[in-house]
């Protein structure tokens, strides 16, 4: 038996090698050059032992050039451009080079506003007088005051030769690499231990378009894009206030993804802002690709599928929550913004509620409340009533249901699980196929397959109606994450109802509500203002008239509690 086991293990069990010997003869010269550069760098400074320990920029341009070539693998990477040239400053020539990435930077800006002022002779960089001093004169009360200042090449280049609106002086390689990787170019000059980070971004990006998932009728038709600066400009344009603070934080040891934390300094609670920054700053990850990843990393708990942070693609919705005193986080490369803290009411609210009269908005909120109940409990109620509580069904309807299931060979739970999973498959297929085929997939799945299943006596007709109503109700939930959560939880209630009828549904609801009441989003109870009950007026589930929305939510503990005057329509109710 042992021999048989050994033979089977040797055939079916793979044992990966721990050490691999790869021979790349074509780049052996590159490896030798890399070792030589590392040795040169080691001889140039005694503060480090490896390339990764290099921190500050060297005064020698040759050392800087070789180090950058090794770090960026310029012999292999075709899009990394290193442009060497001679810089002219006050009739003196300095060796210099530019570092930028083709495709991220605007080459016209580099040619016309960086290389041309530095290389070509012009009145700004040519001077025949004293090369070591600059004289400035000022006449005050017939007295001439002269100030003598030593010539500084750094100030001269930044103030006279580079006509760029965004210019930073960097002393560390990490800061230079971060700017170059985001589309800037870096200027290195001989004898200087600093580099100039010049903003010449010119990469292609998607233009501002209408929202795809949060569609409204009367609201703005602008949505976030992938570029973080475009998104922050959309928010700042709507807020239109100098108290809006946008702080930049980099997340990821390798990707160094830009994240922007937005809040109103005169409204938002300082503890809330500090908590958001603390969680984001203390993430030990290599890369951050989307706001969805960040949402999972800074949530209070990940045990449940309940969303605890609001995600939106609408700048007007973000602005609304900023005025309430909340904090928003924008991630570069993702068109969705995170808003925190979030409560259950926020996930059932739509941006359309702000633009409609309160009667219309409350009617829609009532419909959404019904949609939530249908999505979560309708299949469970159907199974519980047909299996355990037939006395609750009218006699004529019960006879009709029994007659329709007479030829169905499968149990009730099998039928409804097959149809629910089929509906989810149709929904997913409609999202993944090309857009012209999406409606076709839905029509074929809903009509042809449903009718064929009934004709083949696989499911009963009334079950098709139950599944269809449940699916339609799930589309009425505004937030995608919360709707997905209810769709997933629907199967749990379905199993509970199959096991013990309404008793199982009741126990499941009790546990679910207990979990909701125990959750917190950045210190704010998830079920507020219902559990615990707060004194916040006009902040419940239903919307109050706009002239009565006088106070901000009290659970946010904002610096300014009032959002408008007690009498907002002063044109109608004038003070005597």
Protein backbone atom coordinates (compact mmCIF):
# COMPACT_ATOMS: atom_id res chain seq x y z
CA UNK A 1 0.00 0.00 0.00
CA UNK A 2 2.83 2.40 0.79
CA UNK A 3 4.36 1.87 -2.63
CA UNK A 4 1.00 2.43 -4.30
CA UNK A 5 0.52 5.65 -2.33
CA UNK A 6 3.99 6.84 -3.28
CA UNK A 7 3.34 6.09 -6.96
CA UNK A 8 0.01 7.94 -6.85
CA UNK A 9 1.59 10.89 -5.09
CA UNK A 10 4.36 11.08 -7.66
CA UNK A 11 1.81 11.01 -10.50
CA UNK A 12 -0.93 13.31 -9.22
CA UNK A 13 0.76 15.56 -6.64
CA UNK A 14 2.87 18.38 -8.01
CA UNK A 15 5.94 19.42 -6.07
CA UNK A 16 6.96 22.90 -7.20
CA UNK A 17 10.61 23.73 -7.29
CA UNK A 18 11.84 26.23 -4.74
CA UNK A 19 14.74 27.50 -6.82
CA UNK A 20 14.59 28.32 -10.50
CA UNK A 21 17.63 29.01 -12.65
CA UNK A 22 16.76 31.33 -15.51
CA UNK A 23 19.47 32.25 -17.99
CA UNK A 24 18.89 35.44 -19.95
CA UNK A 25 21.95 35.77 -22.15
CA UNK A 26 20.58 38.73 -24.09
CA UNK A 27 20.63 41.09 -21.12
CA UNK A 28 23.76 39.88 -19.40
CA UNK A 29 25.45 43.13 -20.35
CA UNK A 30 22.63 45.04 -18.65
CA UNK A 31 23.14 43.08 -15.45
CA UNK A 32 26.86 43.89 -15.49
CA UNK A 33 26.10 47.58 -16.05
CA UNK A 34 23.58 47.54 -13.21
CA UNK A 35 26.18 46.09 -10.86
CA UNK A 36 28.68 48.73 -11.93
CA UNK A 37 26.15 51.50 -11.33
CA UNK A 38 25.35 50.11 -7.90
CA UNK A 39 29.06 50.10 -7.07
CA UNK A 40 29.46 53.67 -8.31
CA UNK A 41 26.52 54.80 -6.24
CA UNK A 42 27.92 53.02 -3.22
CA UNK A 43 31.26 54.77 -3.70
CA UNK A 44 29.52 58.15 -4.10
CA UNK A 45 27.83 58.09 -0.71
CA UNK A 46 28.38 56.32 2.59
CA UNK A 47 24.77 56.67 3.79
CA UNK A 48 23.40 53.57 2.05
CA UNK A 49 24.37 50.06 1.02
CA UNK A 50 21.76 49.14 -1.63
CA UNK A 51 19.83 50.94 -4.33
CA UNK A 52 16.60 50.77 -2.31
CA UNK A 53 18.24 52.71 0.52
CA UNK A 54 19.03 55.72 -1.68
CA UNK A 55 16.92 58.62 -0.44
CA UNK A 56 18.39 62.04 -1.22
CA UNK A 57 19.39 63.40 -4.61
CA UNK A 58 23.14 63.54 -5.29
CA UNK A 59 25.00 66.69 -6.36
CA UNK A 60 26.66 64.75 -9.19
CA UNK A 61 24.47 64.61 -12.26
CA UNK A 62 26.24 61.51 -13.57
CA UNK A 63 25.39 59.57 -10.44
CA UNK A 64 21.78 60.76 -10.57
CA UNK A 65 21.53 59.80 -14.23
CA UNK A 66 22.89 56.28 -13.74
CA UNK A 67 20.75 55.71 -10.67
CA UNK A 68 17.57 56.74 -12.53
CA UNK A 69 18.45 54.57 -15.50
CA UNK A 70 18.72 51.58 -13.20
CA UNK A 71 15.57 52.35 -11.22
CA UNK A 72 13.43 52.89 -14.33
CA UNK A 73 15.11 50.18 -16.43
CA UNK A 74 15.53 52.62 -19.30
CA UNK A 75 17.33 50.01 -21.42
CA UNK A 76 14.13 47.94 -21.37
CA UNK A 77 11.27 50.39 -20.77
CA UNK A 78 10.51 52.11 -24.05
CA UNK A 79 8.19 54.79 -22.66
CA UNK A 80 10.64 56.23 -20.10
CA UNK A 81 12.43 59.17 -21.74
CA UNK A 82 15.68 60.66 -20.44
CA UNK A 83 16.64 63.82 -22.36
CA UNK A 84 20.17 65.03 -21.76
CA UNK A 85 21.10 68.60 -22.73
CA UNK A 86 23.19 71.64 -21.77
CA UNK A 87 21.40 74.32 -19.77
CA UNK A 88 22.23 77.98 -20.33
CA UNK A 89 21.93 80.34 -17.34
CA UNK A 90 23.52 83.81 -17.38
CA UNK A 91 25.91 82.73 -20.14
CA UNK A 92 27.01 79.71 -18.15
CA UNK A 93 26.43 76.14 -19.24
CA UNK A 94 25.36 73.32 -16.95
CA UNK A 95 24.83 69.66 -17.70
CA UNK A 96 21.20 68.69 -17.17
CA UNK A 97 18.64 66.07 -18.12
CA UNK A 98 14.86 65.67 -18.12
CA UNK A 99 13.00 62.58 -16.97
CA UNK A 100 9.42 61.96 -18.11
CA UNK A 101 7.14 59.17 -19.31
CA UNK A 102 5.87 59.27 -22.87
CA UNK A 103 2.08 59.11 -22.92
CA UNK A 104 1.62 60.69 -19.49
CA UNK A 105 3.32 64.02 -20.24
CA UNK A 106 2.52 66.64 -22.86
CA UNK A 107 5.52 66.78 -25.18
CA UNK A 108 4.50 70.19 -26.57
CA UNK A 109 4.62 71.69 -23.10
CA UNK A 110 8.03 70.14 -22.52
CA UNK A 111 9.41 71.41 -25.83
CA UNK A 112 8.04 74.95 -25.69
CA UNK A 113 8.03 75.77 -21.99
CA UNK A 114 10.85 73.67 -20.55
CA UNK A 115 13.52 72.82 -23.11
CA UNK A 116 13.28 75.99 -25.19
CA UNK A 117 13.72 78.49 -22.28
CA UNK A 118 16.57 76.43 -20.84
CA UNK A 119 18.53 75.64 -24.01
CA UNK A 120 18.08 78.61 -26.34
CA UNK A 121 19.75 81.94 -25.72
CA UNK A 122 17.35 84.74 -24.82
CA UNK A 123 17.39 87.90 -22.66
CA UNK A 124 16.37 85.82 -19.63
CA UNK A 125 19.38 83.51 -19.59
CA UNK A 126 22.07 85.73 -21.18
CA UNK A 127 23.78 88.49 -19.18
CA UNK A 128 27.10 90.29 -19.73
CA UNK A 129 27.58 91.88 -16.31
CA UNK A 130 28.68 90.48 -13.00
CA UNK A 131 27.97 86.76 -13.01
CA UNK A 132 28.03 86.31 -9.26
CA UNK A 133 25.66 89.04 -8.03
CA UNK A 134 22.31 90.51 -8.84
CA UNK A 135 21.72 94.17 -8.01
CA UNK A 136 18.33 95.69 -7.24
CA UNK A 137 17.74 99.37 -6.65
CA UNK A 138 14.91 101.24 -4.96
CA UNK A 139 14.61 105.03 -4.64
CA UNK A 140 12.93 106.28 -1.43
CA UNK A 141 12.91 109.99 -0.50
CA UNK A 142 15.66 110.71 -3.02
CA UNK A 143 17.80 108.04 -1.36
CA UNK A 144 18.93 105.12 -3.47
CA UNK A 145 18.88 101.80 -1.64
CA UNK A 146 20.80 98.96 -3.23
CA UNK A 147 20.45 95.33 -2.29
CA UNK A 148 23.18 92.93 -3.27
CA UNK A 149 22.38 89.26 -3.48
CA UNK A 150 24.55 86.38 -4.47
CA UNK A 151 23.65 84.59 -7.63
CA UNK A 152 21.59 81.45 -6.90
CA UNK A 153 21.11 79.09 -9.81
CA UNK A 154 18.11 77.41 -8.17
CA UNK A 155 16.16 80.64 -7.69
CA UNK A 156 17.26 81.92 -11.07
CA UNK A 157 15.93 78.87 -12.90
CA UNK A 158 12.65 78.70 -10.97
CA UNK A 159 11.96 82.45 -11.11
CA UNK A 160 13.31 83.39 -14.53
CA UNK A 161 13.70 80.45 -16.85
CA UNK A 162 10.79 78.08 -16.22
CA UNK A 163 7.41 79.71 -17.07
CA UNK A 164 5.37 76.93 -15.44
CA UNK A 165 2.49 77.55 -13.06
CA UNK A 166 3.25 74.47 -10.95
CA UNK A 167 6.90 73.98 -10.02
CA UNK A 168 8.20 72.13 -6.95
CA UNK A 169 11.71 71.67 -5.63
CA UNK A 170 12.34 68.12 -4.45
CA UNK A 171 15.28 66.80 -2.46
CA UNK A 172 14.30 63.11 -2.35
CA UNK A 173 14.09 60.58 -5.15
CA UNK A 174 10.77 59.21 -3.88
CA UNK A 175 9.05 62.58 -4.36
CA UNK A 176 10.56 62.93 -7.83
CA UNK A 177 9.45 59.45 -8.87
CA UNK A 178 5.94 60.09 -7.57
CA UNK A 179 5.62 63.20 -9.73
CA UNK A 180 7.05 61.52 -12.83
CA UNK A 181 4.75 58.52 -12.43
CA UNK A 182 1.74 60.86 -12.33
CA UNK A 183 2.67 62.68 -15.56
CA UNK A 184 5.16 65.37 -14.49
CA UNK A 185 8.72 65.76 -15.70
CA UNK A 186 11.79 66.06 -13.47
CA UNK A 187 14.72 68.37 -14.19
CA UNK A 188 18.15 67.45 -12.80
CA UNK A 189 21.04 69.92 -12.98
CA UNK A 190 24.71 69.31 -12.30
CA UNK A 191 26.08 70.47 -8.91
CA UNK A 192 22.54 70.68 -7.45
CA UNK A 193 21.21 68.21 -4.93
CA UNK A 194 17.63 69.12 -5.77
CA UNK A 195 15.38 68.39 -8.74
CA UNK A 196 12.56 70.44 -10.24
CA UNK A 197 9.18 68.71 -10.44
CA UNK A 198 7.37 70.38 -13.34
CA UNK A 199 3.67 69.86 -14.03
CA UNK A 200 3.30 68.90 -17.71
CA UNK A 201 0.53 66.31 -17.49
CA UNK A 202 -1.00 65.47 -20.84
CA UNK A 203 -2.46 61.97 -20.72
CA UNK A 204 -5.79 61.15 -22.33
CA UNK A 205 -8.82 60.86 -20.09
CA UNK A 206 -12.55 60.33 -20.32
CA UNK A 207 -14.65 63.47 -20.54
CA UNK A 208 -17.38 64.30 -18.06
CA UNK A 209 -20.55 62.42 -18.93
CA UNK A 210 -23.98 61.74 -17.44
CA UNK A 211 -24.28 59.14 -14.63
CA UNK A 212 -24.83 55.55 -15.69
CA UNK A 213 -26.24 54.01 -12.50
CA UNK A 214 -27.76 56.92 -10.55
CA UNK A 215 -30.03 58.47 -13.13
CA UNK A 216 -32.28 61.38 -12.18
CA UNK A 217 -34.73 63.48 -14.16
CA UNK A 218 -34.49 66.96 -12.67
CA UNK A 219 -31.01 66.87 -11.17
CA UNK A 220 -27.59 67.65 -12.67
CA UNK A 221 -26.34 65.37 -15.42
CA UNK A 222 -22.67 65.25 -14.47
CA UNK A 223 -20.80 62.27 -13.07
CA UNK A 224 -17.33 61.63 -11.72
CA UNK A 225 -14.57 60.41 -14.03
CA UNK A 226 -11.33 58.52 -13.40
CA UNK A 227 -9.12 61.60 -12.96
CA UNK A 228 -8.93 62.76 -9.34
CA UNK A 229 -8.32 66.44 -10.15
CA UNK A 230 -11.35 66.56 -12.42
CA UNK A 231 -13.45 65.04 -9.64
CA UNK A 232 -12.21 67.46 -6.99
CA UNK A 233 -12.90 70.37 -9.34
CA UNK A 234 -16.49 69.16 -9.80
CA UNK A 235 -17.00 69.10 -6.04
CA UNK A 236 -15.34 72.46 -5.45
CA UNK A 237 -17.32 74.10 -8.20
CA UNK A 238 -20.61 73.05 -6.59
CA UNK A 239 -19.56 73.79 -3.00
CA UNK A 240 -18.17 77.21 -4.01
CA UNK A 241 -16.74 77.94 -0.57
CA UNK A 242 -13.22 78.52 0.69
CA UNK A 243 -13.81 76.29 3.73
CA UNK A 244 -13.77 73.19 1.55
CA UNK A 245 -10.59 71.28 2.42
CA UNK A 246 -9.17 68.67 0.04
CA UNK A 247 -6.25 66.72 1.52
CA UNK A 248 -4.14 64.36 -0.55
CA UNK A 249 -3.04 61.00 0.85
CA UNK A 250 -1.10 58.27 -0.93
CA UNK A 251 -2.15 54.68 -0.32
CA UNK A 252 -0.14 51.61 -1.30
CA UNK A 253 3.55 50.88 -0.93
CA UNK A 254 3.93 50.19 -4.65
CA UNK A 255 1.04 51.94 -6.42
CA UNK A 256 1.04 55.08 -4.21
CA UNK A 257 -2.53 55.78 -5.30
CA UNK A 258 -3.71 59.35 -4.80
CA UNK A 259 -6.69 59.72 -2.47
CA UNK A 260 -8.42 63.03 -1.74
CA UNK A 261 -10.21 63.54 1.59
CA UNK A 262 -12.87 66.26 1.25
CA UNK A 263 -14.70 68.01 4.07
CA UNK A 264 -15.92 71.45 5.13
CA UNK A 265 -13.62 72.73 7.84
CA UNK A 266 -16.26 74.94 9.49
CA UNK A 267 -18.93 72.19 9.61
CA UNK A 268 -17.40 68.70 9.84
CA UNK A 269 -16.51 67.24 13.22
CA UNK A 270 -12.76 67.19 13.80
CA UNK A 271 -12.88 63.72 15.39
CA UNK A 272 -14.65 62.32 12.33
CA UNK A 273 -12.06 63.82 9.98
CA UNK A 274 -9.22 62.52 12.16
CA UNK A 275 -10.72 59.02 12.23
CA UNK A 276 -11.02 58.90 8.44
CA UNK A 277 -7.44 60.07 7.95
CA UNK A 278 -6.18 57.66 10.61
CA UNK A 279 -7.74 54.62 8.94
CA UNK A 280 -6.53 55.55 5.46
CA UNK A 281 -3.02 56.42 6.62
CA UNK A 282 -2.66 53.10 8.41
CA UNK A 283 -3.19 50.68 5.53
CA UNK A 284 -0.32 48.25 4.95
CA UNK A 285 -1.05 47.27 1.36
CA UNK A 286 1.00 47.21 -1.81
CA UNK A 287 -1.61 48.62 -4.17
CA UNK A 288 -5.01 50.30 -4.21
CA UNK A 289 -6.91 50.11 -7.49
CA UNK A 290 -10.45 51.26 -6.71
CA UNK A 291 -12.73 52.87 -4.14
CA UNK A 292 -14.38 49.47 -3.66
CA UNK A 293 -11.14 48.10 -2.23
CA UNK A 294 -10.73 51.12 0.02
CA UNK A 295 -14.31 50.73 1.24
CA UNK A 296 -13.60 47.18 2.40
CA UNK A 297 -10.35 48.21 4.08
CA UNK A 298 -11.78 51.00 6.27
CA UNK A 299 -15.16 49.52 7.23
CA UNK A 300 -15.91 48.87 10.89
CA UNK A 301 -16.55 45.16 10.33
CA UNK A 302 -16.44 42.86 7.31
CA UNK A 303 -18.40 39.97 8.80
CA UNK A 304 -21.62 40.87 7.02
CA UNK A 305 -22.54 41.91 3.51
CA UNK A 306 -24.25 45.07 4.80
CA UNK A 307 -22.66 48.17 3.19
CA UNK A 308 -21.44 50.67 5.77
CA UNK A 309 -19.99 53.36 3.49
CA UNK A 310 -21.97 55.16 0.81
CA UNK A 311 -20.61 55.02 -2.74
CA UNK A 312 -21.84 57.42 -5.41
CA UNK A 313 -20.87 58.69 -8.85
CA UNK A 314 -22.75 62.00 -8.52
CA UNK A 315 -20.94 65.21 -7.43
CA UNK A 316 -24.22 66.84 -6.33
CA UNK A 317 -24.95 63.95 -3.97
CA UNK A 318 -21.46 64.21 -2.47
CA UNK A 319 -21.90 67.95 -2.03
CA UNK A 320 -25.21 67.44 -0.23
CA UNK A 321 -23.52 65.18 2.33
CA UNK A 322 -20.55 67.54 2.68
CA UNK A 323 -22.93 70.34 3.67
CA UNK A 324 -24.37 68.00 6.30
CA UNK A 325 -20.92 67.59 7.86
CA UNK A 326 -19.78 64.28 6.41
CA UNK A 327 -16.45 63.34 4.86
CA UNK A 328 -15.91 62.23 1.26
CA UNK A 329 -12.96 60.28 -0.15
CA UNK A 330 -12.08 60.29 -3.86
CA UNK A 331 -9.70 57.65 -5.24
CA UNK A 332 -7.67 58.36 -8.35
CA UNK A 333 -8.59 56.07 -11.23
CA UNK A 334 -12.14 55.34 -10.02
CA UNK A 335 -15.32 57.27 -10.86
CA UNK A 336 -17.00 56.53 -7.51
CA UNK A 337 -16.67 58.62 -4.36
CA UNK A 338 -17.01 57.27 -0.81
CA UNK A 339 -19.09 59.17 1.75
CA UNK A 340 -18.88 58.45 5.48
CA UNK A 341 -20.49 57.90 7.88
CA UNK A 342 -23.55 56.27 6.32
CA UNK A 343 -26.81 55.06 7.85
CA UNK A 344 -29.56 52.76 6.62
CA UNK A 345 -31.68 55.73 5.50
CA UNK A 346 -28.89 56.93 3.20
CA UNK A 347 -28.90 53.69 1.20
CA UNK A 348 -32.64 53.94 0.52
CA UNK A 349 -32.52 57.61 -0.48
CA UNK A 350 -32.16 58.79 -4.06
CA UNK A 351 -30.61 62.01 -5.41
CA UNK A 352 -34.01 62.68 -6.97
CA UNK A 353 -35.50 63.25 -3.49
CA UNK A 354 -33.68 66.59 -3.24
CA UNK A 355 -35.14 67.90 -6.49
CA UNK A 356 -38.77 66.86 -6.02
CA UNK A 357 -41.47 68.25 -3.78
CA UNK A 358 -41.66 66.48 -0.47
CA UNK A 359 -45.02 64.87 -1.37
CA UNK A 360 -43.53 63.25 -4.47
CA UNK A 361 -40.33 62.27 -2.68
CA UNK A 362 -42.24 60.65 0.20
CA UNK A 363 -44.38 58.70 -2.24
CA UNK A 364 -41.24 57.33 -3.90
CA UNK A 365 -39.73 56.54 -0.51
CA UNK A 366 -42.87 54.60 0.39
CA UNK A 367 -42.54 52.62 -2.83
CA UNK A 368 -38.90 51.88 -2.03
CA UNK A 369 -39.90 50.65 1.42
CA UNK A 370 -42.36 48.23 -0.20
CA UNK A 371 -39.68 47.21 -2.70
CA UNK A 372 -37.28 46.39 0.14
CA UNK A 373 -39.88 44.16 1.81
CA UNK A 374 -40.75 42.41 -1.44
CA UNK A 375 -37.11 41.83 -2.39
CA UNK A 376 -36.23 40.42 0.99
CA UNK A 377 -39.33 38.47 2.06
CA UNK A 378 -41.75 37.73 -0.79
CA UNK A 379 -40.19 34.37 -1.87
CA UNK A 380 -39.87 33.38 1.80
CA UNK A 381 -43.53 34.23 2.49
CA UNK A 382 -44.61 32.24 -0.56
CA UNK A 383 -42.72 29.13 0.58
CA UNK A 384 -43.90 29.49 4.19
CA UNK A 385 -47.57 29.89 3.24
CA UNK A 386 -47.63 27.05 0.73
CA UNK A 387 -45.75 24.58 3.00
CA UNK A 388 -46.82 25.48 6.53
CA UNK A 389 -49.65 28.03 6.58
CA UNK A 390 -52.11 27.08 3.84
CA UNK A 391 -54.98 28.39 5.99
CA UNK A 392 -53.84 31.95 5.23
CA UNK A 393 -54.42 31.47 1.50
CA UNK A 394 -57.96 32.01 0.12
CA UNK A 395 -59.59 28.71 -0.83
CA UNK A 396 -60.02 29.48 -4.53
CA UNK A 397 -56.40 30.62 -4.82
CA UNK A 398 -55.21 27.56 -2.91
CA UNK A 399 -57.08 25.22 -5.29
CA UNK A 400 -55.59 27.09 -8.25
CA UNK A 401 -52.07 26.77 -6.83
CA UNK A 402 -52.53 23.05 -6.15
CA UNK A 403 -53.85 22.50 -9.68
CA UNK A 404 -50.91 24.39 -11.21
CA UNK A 405 -48.39 22.28 -9.26
CA UNK A 406 -50.12 18.99 -9.96
CA UNK A 407 -47.75 18.03 -12.78
CA UNK A 408 -44.58 19.53 -11.23
CA UNK A 409 -42.37 16.68 -9.97
CA UNK A 410 -40.00 18.80 -7.87
CA UNK A 411 -40.45 20.14 -4.33
CA UNK A 412 -41.26 23.80 -3.76
CA UNK A 413 -37.79 24.78 -2.56
CA UNK A 414 -36.16 23.30 -5.65
CA UNK A 415 -38.50 25.21 -7.95
CA UNK A 416 -37.96 28.57 -6.38
CA UNK A 417 -34.20 28.15 -6.06
CA UNK A 418 -33.95 27.22 -9.74
CA UNK A 419 -35.98 30.27 -10.78
CA UNK A 420 -34.18 32.67 -8.45
CA UNK A 421 -30.75 31.51 -9.61
CA UNK A 422 -31.93 31.65 -13.24
CA UNK A 423 -33.11 35.23 -12.73
CA UNK A 424 -29.74 36.20 -11.25
CA UNK A 425 -27.99 34.55 -14.19
CA UNK A 426 -30.13 36.50 -16.64
CA UNK A 427 -29.38 39.73 -14.77
CA UNK A 428 -25.64 39.05 -14.80
CA UNK A 429 -25.70 38.04 -18.46
CA UNK A 430 -27.51 41.26 -19.36
CA UNK A 431 -24.72 43.25 -17.71
CA UNK A 432 -21.81 41.36 -19.25
CA UNK A 433 -22.93 41.02 -22.87
CA UNK A 434 -22.50 43.97 -25.28
CA UNK A 435 -25.07 46.70 -24.70
CA UNK A 436 -27.10 46.12 -27.91
CA UNK A 437 -27.72 42.51 -26.80
CA UNK A 438 -28.61 43.32 -23.18
CA UNK A 439 -32.34 43.95 -23.69
CA UNK A 440 -32.53 40.89 -25.95
CA UNK A 441 -31.08 38.66 -23.24
CA UNK A 442 -33.64 39.99 -20.75
CA UNK A 443 -36.59 39.45 -23.05
CA UNK A 444 -35.48 35.94 -24.04
CA UNK A 445 -34.77 34.96 -20.46
CA UNK A 446 -37.98 36.36 -19.01
CA UNK A 447 -40.46 35.32 -21.71
CA UNK A 448 -39.12 32.35 -23.60
CA UNK A 449 -37.40 30.48 -20.78
CA UNK A 450 -40.19 31.22 -18.28
CA UNK A 451 -42.91 30.07 -20.64
CA UNK A 452 -40.90 27.01 -21.63
CA UNK A 453 -40.36 26.08 -17.96
CA UNK A 454 -44.11 26.31 -17.28
CA UNK A 455 -44.99 24.31 -20.39
CA UNK A 456 -42.50 21.61 -19.45
CA UNK A 457 -44.06 21.36 -15.96
CA UNK A 458 -40.76 22.24 -14.30
CA UNK A 459 -42.19 25.17 -12.32
CA UNK A 460 -45.69 26.47 -11.60
CA UNK A 461 -47.04 29.66 -13.21
CA UNK A 462 -47.60 31.47 -9.90
CA UNK A 463 -43.96 30.92 -9.01
CA UNK A 464 -42.96 32.75 -12.17
CA UNK A 465 -45.07 35.69 -11.00
CA UNK A 466 -43.45 35.67 -7.54
CA UNK A 467 -39.92 35.61 -8.96
CA UNK A 468 -40.71 38.33 -11.52
CA UNK A 469 -42.21 40.68 -8.90
CA UNK A 470 -39.24 40.07 -6.62
CA UNK A 471 -36.79 40.86 -9.41
CA UNK A 472 -38.61 44.04 -10.44
CA UNK A 473 -38.71 45.23 -6.82
CA UNK A 474 -34.96 44.74 -6.48
CA UNK A 475 -34.40 47.23 -9.30
CA UNK A 476 -36.26 49.93 -7.34
CA UNK A 477 -33.58 50.10 -4.63
CA UNK A 478 -31.35 53.13 -5.42
CA UNK A 479 -28.04 51.90 -4.00
CA UNK A 480 -26.41 49.03 -5.87
CA UNK A 481 -24.51 47.65 -2.86
CA UNK A 482 -27.55 47.63 -0.58
CA UNK A 483 -29.69 46.07 -3.31
CA UNK A 484 -27.07 43.35 -3.78
CA UNK A 485 -27.09 42.75 -0.03
CA UNK A 486 -30.88 42.25 0.00
CA UNK A 487 -30.70 39.91 -2.99
CA UNK A 488 -28.11 37.79 -1.21
CA UNK A 489 -29.99 37.80 2.09
CA UNK A 490 -33.17 36.74 0.29
CA UNK A 491 -31.80 33.21 -0.07
CA UNK A 492 -31.15 33.01 3.69
CA UNK A 493 -34.78 33.88 4.48
CA UNK A 494 -35.88 31.43 1.79
CA UNK A 495 -34.08 28.56 3.53
CA UNK A 496 -35.42 29.61 6.94
CA UNK A 497 -39.00 29.70 5.66
CA UNK A 498 -38.60 26.26 4.09
CA UNK A 499 -37.36 24.82 7.40
CA UNK A 500 -39.88 26.34 9.84
CA UNK A 501 -42.28 28.68 8.04
CA UNK A 502 -43.09 32.05 9.58
CA UNK A 503 -41.24 31.06 12.74
CA UNK A 504 -37.98 30.85 10.79
CA UNK A 505 -38.72 34.15 9.04
CA UNK A 506 -39.44 35.80 12.39
CA UNK A 507 -36.24 34.49 13.95
CA UNK A 508 -34.27 35.62 10.90
CA UNK A 509 -35.78 39.13 11.05
CA UNK A 510 -35.00 39.36 14.76
CA UNK A 511 -31.35 38.40 14.21
CA UNK A 512 -31.07 40.69 11.17
CA UNK A 513 -32.47 43.74 12.97
CA UNK A 514 -30.19 42.99 15.93
CA UNK A 515 -27.18 42.98 13.62
CA UNK A 516 -28.29 46.26 12.02
CA UNK A 517 -28.65 47.90 15.43
CA UNK A 518 -25.20 46.71 16.50
CA UNK A 519 -23.37 48.12 13.46
CA UNK A 520 -21.61 51.46 13.46
CA UNK A 521 -20.22 53.51 10.61
CA UNK A 522 -17.31 55.62 11.88
CA UNK A 523 -18.86 55.77 15.34
CA UNK A 524 -22.41 56.52 14.13
CA UNK A 525 -25.09 53.84 14.83
CA UNK A 526 -26.31 52.30 11.60
CA UNK A 527 -30.03 52.54 12.46
CA UNK A 528 -29.97 56.15 13.65
CA UNK A 529 -32.33 58.12 14.02
CA UNK A 530 -34.56 55.12 14.93
CA UNK A 531 -32.20 53.11 17.13
CA UNK A 532 -31.17 55.05 19.09
CA UNK A 533 -33.90 57.64 18.71
CA UNK A 534 -32.48 61.12 18.21
CA UNK A 535 -34.01 64.57 18.33
CA UNK A 536 -33.01 65.41 14.81
CA UNK A 537 -35.94 67.03 13.04
CA UNK A 538 -36.48 66.29 9.39
CA UNK A 539 -33.85 63.57 9.34
CA UNK A 540 -36.07 60.50 9.44
CA UNK A 541 -36.94 58.16 6.65
CA UNK A 542 -39.52 60.42 5.05
CA UNK A 543 -38.60 63.88 3.78
CA UNK A 544 -39.96 67.00 5.47
CA UNK A 545 -40.71 70.23 3.55
CA UNK A 546 -37.56 72.06 2.58
CA UNK A 547 -38.43 75.08 4.72
CA UNK A 548 -38.45 72.83 7.80
CA UNK A 549 -34.99 71.36 7.27
CA UNK A 550 -33.43 73.77 9.70
CA UNK A 551 -30.89 71.56 11.47
CA UNK A 552 -28.17 69.19 10.45
CA UNK A 553 -28.24 65.59 11.73
CA UNK A 554 -27.40 65.74 15.43
CA UNK A 555 -25.65 62.34 15.36
CA UNK A 556 -22.85 63.92 13.28
CA UNK A 557 -22.01 66.44 16.06
CA UNK A 558 -21.19 69.15 13.54
CA UNK A 559 -19.67 72.51 14.42
CA UNK A 560 -22.71 74.28 12.99
CA UNK A 561 -26.01 72.69 13.93
CA UNK A 562 -28.29 74.99 11.94
CA UNK A 563 -28.43 74.60 8.17
CA UNK A 564 -30.80 77.52 7.58
CA UNK A 565 -32.69 80.19 9.45
CA UNK A 566 -35.83 79.43 11.37
CA UNK A 567 -37.74 81.50 8.82
CA UNK A 568 -36.08 80.67 5.54
CA UNK A 569 -38.71 82.23 3.28
CA UNK A 570 -38.23 85.76 4.48
CA UNK A 571 -40.03 87.11 1.42
CA UNK A 572 -43.21 85.51 2.72
CA UNK A 573 -42.90 85.87 6.47
CA UNK A 574 -41.22 89.19 7.11
CA UNK A 575 -40.13 90.07 10.59
CA UNK A 576 -42.02 92.96 12.08
